[in-house]
Protein backbone atom coordinates (compact mmCIF):
# COMPACT_ATOMS: atom_id res chain seq x y z
CA MET A 1 84.32 101.38 205.12
CA GLU A 2 84.96 104.91 206.25
CA LYS A 3 88.39 105.06 204.67
CA ARG A 4 87.01 103.67 201.41
CA LEU A 5 84.26 106.25 201.41
CA LEU A 6 86.67 109.09 202.08
CA LYS A 7 88.83 107.86 199.20
CA LYS A 8 85.90 107.81 196.83
CA ILE A 9 84.94 111.36 197.96
CA GLU A 10 88.45 112.61 197.32
CA VAL A 11 88.72 111.00 193.91
CA LEU A 12 85.37 112.34 192.83
CA ARG A 13 86.15 115.77 194.18
CA ARG A 14 89.27 115.99 192.14
CA LYS A 15 87.44 114.77 189.06
CA LEU A 16 84.71 117.29 189.60
CA TYR A 17 87.20 120.12 190.01
CA ARG A 18 88.88 119.14 186.73
CA TYR A 19 85.54 119.01 184.85
CA ALA A 20 84.22 122.25 186.42
CA THR A 21 87.35 124.20 185.51
CA THR A 22 87.16 123.13 181.85
CA ARG A 23 83.45 123.03 181.21
CA SER A 24 80.32 124.96 181.97
CA LEU A 25 78.99 124.47 185.46
CA VAL A 26 75.66 123.41 183.98
CA ASP A 27 77.29 120.83 181.75
CA ASP A 28 75.40 117.46 182.22
CA GLU A 29 78.54 115.65 183.35
CA VAL A 30 79.54 118.36 185.84
CA VAL A 31 76.00 118.30 187.33
CA GLU A 32 76.02 114.51 187.52
CA LEU A 33 79.44 114.41 189.25
CA SER A 34 78.31 117.15 191.67
CA GLN A 35 75.19 115.17 192.55
CA GLU A 36 77.18 112.00 192.96
CA LEU A 37 79.65 113.85 195.31
CA ASP A 38 76.65 115.21 197.28
CA HIS A 39 75.38 111.66 197.71
CA LEU A 40 78.73 110.40 198.99
CA LEU A 41 79.08 113.40 201.33
CA ASN A 42 75.61 112.72 202.74
CA GLN A 43 76.56 109.16 203.30
CA TYR A 44 79.69 110.16 205.13
CA GLN A 45 77.80 112.67 207.28
CA ARG A 46 75.26 110.00 208.25
CA LEU A 47 78.06 107.53 209.08
CA ASP A 48 79.82 110.17 211.18
CA LYS A 49 76.62 111.09 212.97
CA TYR A 50 75.84 107.44 213.73
CA ARG A 51 79.41 106.97 215.01
CA GLN A 52 79.06 109.98 217.35
CA MET A 53 75.70 108.74 218.65
CA SER A 54 77.00 105.26 219.38
CA PHE A 55 79.89 106.83 221.34
CA TRP A 56 77.46 107.96 223.98
């Protein structure tokens, strides 16, 4: 699951970069992609935190 999530994050990060360099940063699609990336990053952070806690 972690590898799949990291792959999604990377794909979305690249897509967001392409959009953000060719459009306004307040463009609806740029904002939507940014929010989606934030959501995935938050998921990853929770997963990582849980993994660290279960280590102890």
